[in-house]
Amino acid sequence: MLGHKSAAMTLDVYADLFEDDLDAVAVAMNEAAVRALATR
């Protein structure tokens, strides 16, 4: 979505900006993925 070649590149570029929130972002993304899979 940001136009980067891969998710890894996006994380390399932006991960340091949100270091304090990284765990919360990971938890939120996991919860969203679990909900999405449950609705299949």
C-alpha atoms as a PDB file:
ATOM      1  CA  MET A   1       0.000   0.000   0.000  1.00  0.00           C
ATOM      2  CA  LEU A   2       2.916   2.333   0.619  1.00  0.00           C
ATOM      3  CA  GLY A   3       4.547   1.406  -2.663  1.00  0.00           C
ATOM      4  CA  HIS A   4       7.466  -0.473  -1.165  1.00  0.00           C
ATOM      5  CA  LYS A   5       8.728  -3.611  -2.840  1.00  0.00           C
ATOM      6  CA  SER A   6       8.049  -5.735   0.246  1.00  0.00           C
ATOM      7  CA  ALA A   7       6.666  -5.613   3.764  1.00  0.00           C
ATOM      8  CA  ALA A   8      10.196  -6.114   5.058  1.00  0.00           C
ATOM      9  CA  MET A   9      11.330  -2.936   3.331  1.00  0.00           C
ATOM     10  CA  THR A  10       8.428  -1.029   4.884  1.00  0.00           C
ATOM     11  CA  LEU A  11       9.376  -2.320   8.331  1.00  0.00           C
ATOM     12  CA  ASP A  12      13.030  -1.447   7.774  1.00  0.00           C
ATOM     13  CA  VAL A  13      12.068   2.114   6.857  1.00  0.00           C
ATOM     14  CA  TYR A  14       9.409   2.829   9.476  1.00  0.00           C
ATOM     15  CA  ALA A  15       9.968   0.464  12.421  1.00  0.00           C
ATOM     16  CA  ASP A  16      12.192   2.900  14.310  1.00  0.00           C
ATOM     17  CA  LEU A  17       9.522   5.590  14.159  1.00  0.00           C
ATOM     18  CA  PHE A  18       7.128   3.537  16.245  1.00  0.00           C
ATOM     19  CA  GLU A  19       9.439   1.460  18.419  1.00  0.00           C
ATOM     20  CA  ASP A  20       7.373   2.018  21.572  1.00  0.00           C
ATOM     21  CA  ASP A  21       4.169   0.958  19.812  1.00  0.00           C
ATOM     22  CA  LEU A  22       5.558  -2.033  17.919  1.00  0.00           C
ATOM     23  CA  ASP A  23       4.165  -4.633  20.331  1.00  0.00           C
ATOM     24  CA  ALA A  24       0.721  -3.013  20.311  1.00  0.00           C
ATOM     25  CA  VAL A  25       0.740  -2.908  16.513  1.00  0.00           C
ATOM     26  CA  ALA A  26       1.702  -6.590  16.339  1.00  0.00           C
ATOM     27  CA  VAL A  27      -1.106  -7.536  18.735  1.00  0.00           C
ATOM     28  CA  ALA A  28      -3.651  -5.476  16.790  1.00  0.00           C
ATOM     29  CA  MET A  29      -2.570  -6.973  13.472  1.00  0.00           C
ATOM     30  CA  ASN A  30      -2.787 -10.501  14.897  1.00  0.00           C
ATOM     31  CA  GLU A  31      -6.263  -9.864  16.284  1.00  0.00           C
ATOM     32  CA  ALA A  32      -7.401  -8.482  12.915  1.00  0.00           C
ATOM     33  CA  ALA A  33      -5.988 -11.523  11.123  1.00  0.00           C
ATOM     34  CA  VAL A  34      -7.719 -13.907  13.522  1.00  0.00           C
ATOM     35  CA  ARG A  35     -11.051 -12.106  13.018  1.00  0.00           C
ATOM     36  CA  ALA A  36     -10.617 -12.143   9.232  1.00  0.00           C
ATOM     37  CA  LEU A  37      -9.894 -15.867   9.211  1.00  0.00           C
ATOM     38  CA  ALA A  38     -12.865 -16.575  11.481  1.00  0.00           C
ATOM     39  CA  THR A  39     -15.267 -14.965   9.016  1.00  0.00           C
ATOM     40  CA  ARG A  40     -14.196 -17.157   6.087  1.00  0.00           C
END
